[in-house]
Amino acid sequence: MNLHEADINLRVLGWSEGTTLWIRARMGSKRNVFWTIASDNELLRFLVGSWAHDCQEFFFALRPKGLPPPQTIRV
């Protein structure tokens, strides 16, 4: 499946009005980029599309609005 076939949107990932969706690349050159808020569907698609050239796996985290980004522990 390529990016154009994927129906990626906030609702599919479980987003609601009281939550914030955070995204981070799992591998590739963007793996050291900090958690980024995907505040709307356009930004979510832009982030996934621009990072997808070298990373096909992403971390997603739903957090209540106002909380800081999740912590990622490297093992």
PDB file of N, CA and C in Angstrom:
ATOM      1  N   MET A   1       0.848  -1.167   0.000  1.00  0.00           N
ATOM      2  CA  MET A   1       0.000   0.000   0.000  1.00  0.00           C
ATOM      3  C   MET A   1       0.897   1.235   0.000  1.00  0.00           C
ATOM      4  N   ASN A   2       0.604   2.172  -0.854  1.00  0.00           N
ATOM      5  CA  ASN A   2       1.381   3.407  -0.846  1.00  0.00           C
ATOM      6  C   ASN A   2       0.605   4.501  -0.130  1.00  0.00           C
ATOM      7  N   LEU A   3       1.249   5.645   0.026  1.00  0.00           N
ATOM      8  CA  LEU A   3       0.651   6.736   0.788  1.00  0.00           C
ATOM      9  C   LEU A   3      -0.671   7.195   0.194  1.00  0.00           C
ATOM     10  N   HIS A   4      -0.788   7.179  -1.134  1.00  0.00           N
ATOM     11  CA  HIS A   4      -2.025   7.633  -1.769  1.00  0.00           C
ATOM     12  C   HIS A   4      -3.181   6.673  -1.511  1.00  0.00           C
ATOM     13  N   GLU A   5      -2.869   5.393  -1.277  1.00  0.00           N
ATOM     14  CA  GLU A   5      -3.914   4.416  -1.004  1.00  0.00           C
ATOM     15  C   GLU A   5      -4.316   4.406   0.464  1.00  0.00           C
ATOM     16  N   ALA A   6      -3.455   4.916   1.319  1.00  0.00           N
ATOM     17  CA  ALA A   6      -3.731   4.896   2.758  1.00  0.00           C
ATOM     18  C   ALA A   6      -4.740   5.978   3.116  1.00  0.00           C
ATOM     19  N   ASP A   7      -5.736   5.589   3.863  1.00  0.00           N
ATOM     20  CA  ASP A   7      -6.716   6.564   4.345  1.00  0.00           C
ATOM     21  C   ASP A   7      -6.311   6.929   5.766  1.00  0.00           C
ATOM     22  N   ILE A   8      -5.295   7.760   5.877  1.00  0.00           N
ATOM     23  CA  ILE A   8      -4.806   8.137   7.197  1.00  0.00           C
ATOM     24  C   ILE A   8      -5.471   9.438   7.616  1.00  0.00           C
ATOM     25  N   ASN A   9      -6.103   9.395   8.752  1.00  0.00           N
ATOM     26  CA  ASN A   9      -6.704  10.604   9.304  1.00  0.00           C
ATOM     27  C   ASN A   9      -6.763  10.473  10.817  1.00  0.00           C
ATOM     28  N   LEU A  10      -7.052  11.569  11.478  1.00  0.00           N
ATOM     29  CA  LEU A  10      -7.039  11.591  12.936  1.00  0.00           C
ATOM     30  C   LEU A  10      -8.064  10.644  13.541  1.00  0.00           C
ATOM     31  N   ARG A  11      -9.242  10.560  12.959  1.00  0.00           N
ATOM     32  CA  ARG A  11     -10.305   9.705  13.512  1.00  0.00           C
ATOM     33  C   ARG A  11      -9.927   8.226  13.457  1.00  0.00           C
ATOM     34  N   VAL A  12      -9.275   7.798  12.368  1.00  0.00           N
ATOM     35  CA  VAL A  12      -8.855   6.401  12.245  1.00  0.00           C
ATOM     36  C   VAL A  12      -7.895   6.041  13.375  1.00  0.00           C
ATOM     37  N   LEU A  13      -7.068   7.008  13.795  1.00  0.00           N
ATOM     38  CA  LEU A  13      -6.100   6.761  14.858  1.00  0.00           C
ATOM     39  C   LEU A  13      -6.680   6.950  16.257  1.00  0.00           C
ATOM     40  N   GLY A  14      -7.960   7.247  16.352  1.00  0.00           N
ATOM     41  CA  GLY A  14      -8.627   7.334  17.644  1.00  0.00           C
ATOM     42  C   GLY A  14      -8.681   8.716  18.264  1.00  0.00           C
ATOM     43  N   TRP A  15      -8.380   9.742  17.498  1.00  0.00           N
ATOM     44  CA  TRP A  15      -8.371  11.109  18.007  1.00  0.00           C
ATOM     45  C   TRP A  15      -9.779  11.554  18.373  1.00  0.00           C
ATOM     46  N   SER A  16      -9.886  12.387  19.408  1.00  0.00           N
ATOM     47  CA  SER A  16     -11.145  13.048  19.763  1.00  0.00           C
ATOM     48  C   SER A  16     -10.825  14.476  20.191  1.00  0.00           C
ATOM     49  N   GLU A  17     -11.859  15.284  20.429  1.00  0.00           N
ATOM     50  CA  GLU A  17     -11.675  16.708  20.755  1.00  0.00           C
ATOM     51  C   GLU A  17     -10.813  16.941  21.991  1.00  0.00           C
ATOM     52  N   GLY A  18     -10.831  16.034  22.941  1.00  0.00           N
ATOM     53  CA  GLY A  18     -10.088  16.226  24.186  1.00  0.00           C
ATOM     54  C   GLY A  18      -8.682  15.664  24.178  1.00  0.00           C
ATOM     55  N   THR A  19      -8.226  15.195  23.014  1.00  0.00           N
ATOM     56  CA  THR A  19      -6.899  14.576  22.948  1.00  0.00           C
ATOM     57  C   THR A  19      -6.013  15.264  21.915  1.00  0.00           C
ATOM     58  N   THR A  20      -4.735  14.989  22.029  1.00  0.00           N
ATOM     59  CA  THR A  20      -3.739  15.462  21.076  1.00  0.00           C
ATOM     60  C   THR A  20      -3.050  14.238  20.491  1.00  0.00           C
ATOM     61  N   LEU A  21      -2.858  14.218  19.186  1.00  0.00           N
ATOM     62  CA  LEU A  21      -2.145  13.122  18.539  1.00  0.00           C
ATOM     63  C   LEU A  21      -0.703  13.546  18.315  1.00  0.00           C
ATOM     64  N   TRP A  22       0.213  12.784  18.898  1.00  0.00           N
ATOM     65  CA  TRP A  22       1.644  13.013  18.723  1.00  0.00           C
ATOM     66  C   TRP A  22       2.174  11.966  17.756  1.00  0.00           C
ATOM     67  N   ILE A  23       3.122  12.342  16.915  1.00  0.00           N
ATOM     68  CA  ILE A  23       3.710  11.426  15.938  1.00  0.00           C
ATOM     69  C   ILE A  23       5.230  11.549  15.996  1.00  0.00           C
ATOM     70  N   ARG A  24       5.887  10.411  15.778  1.00  0.00           N
ATOM     71  CA  ARG A  24       7.347  10.379  15.735  1.00  0.00           C
ATOM     72  C   ARG A  24       7.769   9.241  14.815  1.00  0.00           C
ATOM     73  N   ALA A  25       8.808   9.479  14.012  1.00  0.00           N
ATOM     74  CA  ALA A  25       9.334   8.428  13.141  1.00  0.00           C
ATOM     75  C   ALA A  25      10.037   7.373  13.993  1.00  0.00           C
ATOM     76  N   ARG A  26       9.855   6.111  13.649  1.00  0.00           N
ATOM     77  CA  ARG A  26      10.480   5.028  14.408  1.00  0.00           C
ATOM     78  C   ARG A  26      11.888   4.742  13.928  1.00  0.00           C
ATOM     79  N   MET A  27      12.140   4.877  12.636  1.00  0.00           N
ATOM     80  CA  MET A  27      13.445   4.555  12.068  1.00  0.00           C
ATOM     81  C   MET A  27      13.807   5.614  11.035  1.00  0.00           C
ATOM     82  N   GLY A  28      14.954   5.455  10.402  1.00  0.00           N
ATOM     83  CA  GLY A  28      15.357   6.375   9.345  1.00  0.00           C
ATOM     84  C   GLY A  28      15.977   7.650   9.877  1.00  0.00           C
ATOM     85  N   SER A  29      16.195   8.601   8.995  1.00  0.00           N
ATOM     86  CA  SER A  29      16.882   9.836   9.370  1.00  0.00           C
ATOM     87  C   SER A  29      16.057  10.703  10.311  1.00  0.00           C
ATOM     88  N   LYS A  30      14.754  10.526  10.354  1.00  0.00           N
ATOM     89  CA  LYS A  30      13.892  11.337  11.220  1.00  0.00           C
ATOM     90  C   LYS A  30      13.684  10.717  12.604  1.00  0.00           C
ATOM     91  N   ARG A  31      14.342   9.598  12.914  1.00  0.00           N
ATOM     92  CA  ARG A  31      14.100   8.917  14.182  1.00  0.00           C
ATOM     93  C   ARG A  31      14.514   9.748  15.396  1.00  0.00           C
ATOM     94  N   ASN A  32      15.415  10.717  15.212  1.00  0.00           N
ATOM     95  CA  ASN A  32      15.852  11.557  16.326  1.00  0.00           C
ATOM     96  C   ASN A  32      15.073  12.858  16.433  1.00  0.00           C
ATOM     97  N   VAL A  33      14.100  13.053  15.559  1.00  0.00           N
ATOM     98  CA  VAL A  33      13.244  14.234  15.631  1.00  0.00           C
ATOM     99  C   VAL A  33      12.293  14.060  16.814  1.00  0.00           C
ATOM    100  N   PHE A  34      12.082  15.124  17.576  1.00  0.00           N
ATOM    101  CA  PHE A  34      11.201  15.051  18.739  1.00  0.00           C
ATOM    102  C   PHE A  34       9.763  14.777  18.317  1.00  0.00           C
ATOM    103  N   TRP A  35       8.953  14.382  19.284  1.00  0.00           N
ATOM    104  CA  TRP A  35       7.528  14.189  19.050  1.00  0.00           C
ATOM    105  C   TRP A  35       6.932  15.461  18.471  1.00  0.00           C
ATOM    106  N   THR A  36       6.061  15.314  17.493  1.00  0.00           N
ATOM    107  CA  THR A  36       5.429  16.437  16.809  1.00  0.00           C
ATOM    108  C   THR A  36       3.916  16.279  16.901  1.00  0.00           C
ATOM    109  N   ILE A  37       3.222  17.382  17.132  1.00  0.00           N
ATOM    110  CA  ILE A  37       1.756  17.330  17.197  1.00  0.00           C
ATOM    111  C   ILE A  37       1.187  17.324  15.784  1.00  0.00           C
ATOM    112  N   ALA A  38       0.329  16.358  15.516  1.00  0.00           N
ATOM    113  CA  ALA A  38      -0.426  16.325  14.260  1.00  0.00           C
ATOM    114  C   ALA A  38      -1.801  16.906  14.580  1.00  0.00           C
ATOM    115  N   SER A  39      -1.945  18.207  14.414  1.00  0.00           N
ATOM    116  CA  SER A  39      -3.135  18.909  14.888  1.00  0.00           C
ATOM    117  C   SER A  39      -4.334  18.807  13.950  1.00  0.00           C
ATOM    118  N   ASP A  40      -4.106  18.443  12.692  1.00  0.00           N
ATOM    119  CA  ASP A  40      -5.221  18.259  11.764  1.00  0.00           C
ATOM    120  C   ASP A  40      -4.824  17.224  10.719  1.00  0.00           C
ATOM    121  N   ASN A  41      -5.790  16.804   9.914  1.00  0.00           N
ATOM    122  CA  ASN A  41      -5.537  15.751   8.925  1.00  0.00           C
ATOM    123  C   ASN A  41      -4.485  16.150   7.902  1.00  0.00           C
ATOM    124  N   GLU A  42      -4.494  17.402   7.483  1.00  0.00           N
ATOM    125  CA  GLU A  42      -3.512  17.860   6.488  1.00  0.00           C
ATOM    126  C   GLU A  42      -2.092  17.766   7.038  1.00  0.00           C
ATOM    127  N   LEU A  43      -1.892  18.196   8.277  1.00  0.00           N
ATOM    128  CA  LEU A  43      -0.561  18.126   8.884  1.00  0.00           C
ATOM    129  C   LEU A  43      -0.139  16.679   9.087  1.00  0.00           C
ATOM    130  N   LEU A  44      -1.060  15.825   9.511  1.00  0.00           N
ATOM    131  CA  LEU A  44      -0.761  14.407   9.684  1.00  0.00           C
ATOM    132  C   LEU A  44      -0.302  13.797   8.365  1.00  0.00           C
ATOM    133  N   ARG A  45      -1.030  14.047   7.293  1.00  0.00           N
ATOM    134  CA  ARG A  45      -0.647  13.510   5.978  1.00  0.00           C
ATOM    135  C   ARG A  45       0.685  14.091   5.507  1.00  0.00           C
ATOM    136  N   PHE A  46       0.913  15.376   5.759  1.00  0.00           N
ATOM    137  CA  PHE A  46       2.177  16.000   5.370  1.00  0.00           C
ATOM    138  C   PHE A  46       3.351  15.355   6.107  1.00  0.00           C
ATOM    139  N   LEU A  47       3.225  15.165   7.424  1.00  0.00           N
ATOM    140  CA  LEU A  47       4.312  14.564   8.196  1.00  0.00           C
ATOM    141  C   LEU A  47       4.611  13.147   7.730  1.00  0.00           C
ATOM    142  N   VAL A  48       3.576  12.337   7.595  1.00  0.00           N
ATOM    143  CA  VAL A  48       3.783  10.954   7.151  1.00  0.00           C
ATOM    144  C   VAL A  48       4.361  10.935   5.739  1.00  0.00           C
ATOM    145  N   GLY A  49       3.830  11.763   4.853  1.00  0.00           N
ATOM    146  CA  GLY A  49       4.316  11.797   3.473  1.00  0.00           C
ATOM    147  C   GLY A  49       5.745  12.282   3.356  1.00  0.00           C
ATOM    148  N   SER A  50       6.117  13.292   4.128  1.00  0.00           N
ATOM    149  CA  SER A  50       7.472  13.833   4.016  1.00  0.00           C
ATOM    150  C   SER A  50       8.500  12.944   4.699  1.00  0.00           C
ATOM    151  N   TRP A  51       8.092  12.166   5.684  1.00  0.00           N
ATOM    152  CA  TRP A  51       9.021  11.266   6.354  1.00  0.00           C
ATOM    153  C   TRP A  51       9.065   9.888   5.707  1.00  0.00           C
ATOM    154  N   ALA A  52       8.091   9.550   4.878  1.00  0.00           N
ATOM    155  CA  ALA A  52       7.948   8.185   4.368  1.00  0.00           C
ATOM    156  C   ALA A  52       9.049   7.770   3.403  1.00  0.00           C
ATOM    157  N   HIS A  53       9.826   8.706   2.879  1.00  0.00           N
ATOM    158  CA  HIS A  53      10.867   8.320   1.922  1.00  0.00           C
ATOM    159  C   HIS A  53      11.929   7.428   2.557  1.00  0.00           C
ATOM    160  N   ASP A  54      12.142   7.539   3.882  1.00  0.00           N
ATOM    161  CA  ASP A  54      13.119   6.636   4.502  1.00  0.00           C
ATOM    162  C   ASP A  54      12.610   6.005   5.797  1.00  0.00           C
ATOM    163  N   CYS A  55      11.353   6.194   6.116  1.00  0.00           N
ATOM    164  CA  CYS A  55      10.790   5.591   7.322  1.00  0.00           C
ATOM    165  C   CYS A  55       9.353   5.180   7.048  1.00  0.00           C
ATOM    166  N   GLN A  56       9.071   3.903   7.164  1.00  0.00           N
ATOM    167  CA  GLN A  56       7.713   3.427   6.946  1.00  0.00           C
ATOM    168  C   GLN A  56       7.017   3.061   8.251  1.00  0.00           C
ATOM    169  N   GLU A  57       7.702   3.256   9.376  1.00  0.00           N
ATOM    170  CA  GLU A  57       7.112   2.936  10.670  1.00  0.00           C
ATOM    171  C   GLU A  57       7.124   4.174  11.554  1.00  0.00           C
ATOM    172  N   PHE A  58       6.014   4.389  12.231  1.00  0.00           N
ATOM    173  CA  PHE A  58       5.854   5.583  13.053  1.00  0.00           C
ATOM    174  C   PHE A  58       5.310   5.207  14.421  1.00  0.00           C
ATOM    175  N   PHE A  59       5.645   6.019  15.418  1.00  0.00           N
ATOM    176  CA  PHE A  59       5.008   5.933  16.725  1.00  0.00           C
ATOM    177  C   PHE A  59       3.875   6.949  16.732  1.00  0.00           C
ATOM    178  N   PHE A  60       2.735   6.566  17.256  1.00  0.00           N
ATOM    179  CA  PHE A  60       1.616   7.480  17.464  1.00  0.00           C
ATOM    180  C   PHE A  60       1.235   7.406  18.934  1.00  0.00           C
ATOM    181  N   ALA A  61       0.913   8.538  19.519  1.00  0.00           N
ATOM    182  CA  ALA A  61       0.486   8.563  20.918  1.00  0.00           C
ATOM    183  C   ALA A  61      -0.667   9.543  21.068  1.00  0.00           C
ATOM    184  N   LEU A  62      -1.728   9.083  21.680  1.00  0.00           N
ATOM    185  CA  LEU A  62      -2.863   9.951  22.011  1.00  0.00           C
ATOM    186  C   LEU A  62      -2.732  10.351  23.471  1.00  0.00           C
ATOM    187  N   ARG A  63      -2.729  11.650  23.727  1.00  0.00           N
ATOM    188  CA  ARG A  63      -2.593  12.167  25.087  1.00  0.00           C
ATOM    189  C   ARG A  63      -3.685  13.202  25.322  1.00  0.00           C
ATOM    190  N   PRO A  64      -4.158  13.334  26.556  1.00  0.00           N
ATOM    191  CA  PRO A  64      -5.108  14.412  26.851  1.00  0.00           C
ATOM    192  C   PRO A  64      -4.483  15.767  26.524  1.00  0.00           C
ATOM    193  N   LYS A  65      -5.294  16.679  26.044  1.00  0.00           N
ATOM    194  CA  LYS A  65      -4.787  18.017  25.702  1.00  0.00           C
ATOM    195  C   LYS A  65      -4.114  18.642  26.913  1.00  0.00           C
ATOM    196  N   GLY A  66      -2.991  19.318  26.663  1.00  0.00           N
ATOM    197  CA  GLY A  66      -2.269  20.000  27.727  1.00  0.00           C
ATOM    198  C   GLY A  66      -1.138  19.196  28.334  1.00  0.00           C
ATOM    199  N   LEU A  67      -1.101  17.889  28.104  1.00  0.00           N
ATOM    200  CA  LEU A  67      -0.006  17.079  28.627  1.00  0.00           C
ATOM    201  C   LEU A  67       1.191  17.159  27.687  1.00  0.00           C
ATOM    202  N   PRO A  68       2.407  17.049  28.232  1.00  0.00           N
ATOM    203  CA  PRO A  68       3.592  17.066  27.380  1.00  0.00           C
ATOM    204  C   PRO A  68       3.666  15.803  26.524  1.00  0.00           C
ATOM    205  N   PRO A  69       4.582  15.782  25.554  1.00  0.00           N
ATOM    206  CA  PRO A  69       4.706  14.591  24.704  1.00  0.00           C
ATOM    207  C   PRO A  69       5.134  13.375  25.510  1.00  0.00           C
ATOM    208  N   PRO A  70       4.868  12.194  24.982  1.00  0.00           N
ATOM    209  CA  PRO A  70       5.279  10.972  25.677  1.00  0.00           C
ATOM    210  C   PRO A  70       6.797  10.865  25.725  1.00  0.00           C
ATOM    211  N   GLN A  71       7.271  10.072  26.649  1.00  0.00           N
ATOM    212  CA  GLN A  71       8.704   9.801  26.748  1.00  0.00           C
ATOM    213  C   GLN A  71       8.994   8.515  25.989  1.00  0.00           C
ATOM    214  N   THR A  72      10.070   8.510  25.236  1.00  0.00           N
ATOM    215  CA  THR A  72      10.479   7.316  24.505  1.00  0.00           C
ATOM    216  C   THR A  72      11.800   6.840  25.085  1.00  0.00           C
ATOM    217  N   ILE A  73      11.828   5.604  25.516  1.00  0.00           N
ATOM    218  CA  ILE A  73      13.046   5.033  26.076  1.00  0.00           C
ATOM    219  C   ILE A  73      13.670   4.143  25.018  1.00  0.00           C
ATOM    220  N   ARG A  74      14.911   4.400  24.717  1.00  0.00           N
ATOM    221  CA  ARG A  74      15.616   3.564  23.743  1.00  0.00           C
ATOM    222  C   ARG A  74      16.176   2.339  24.447  1.00  0.00           C
ATOM    223  N   VAL A  75      16.017   1.190  23.806  1.00  0.00           N
ATOM    224  CA  VAL A  75      16.569  -0.045  24.362  1.00  0.00           C
ATOM    225  C   VAL A  75      17.505  -0.675  23.373  1.00  0.00           C
TER     226      VAL A  75
END
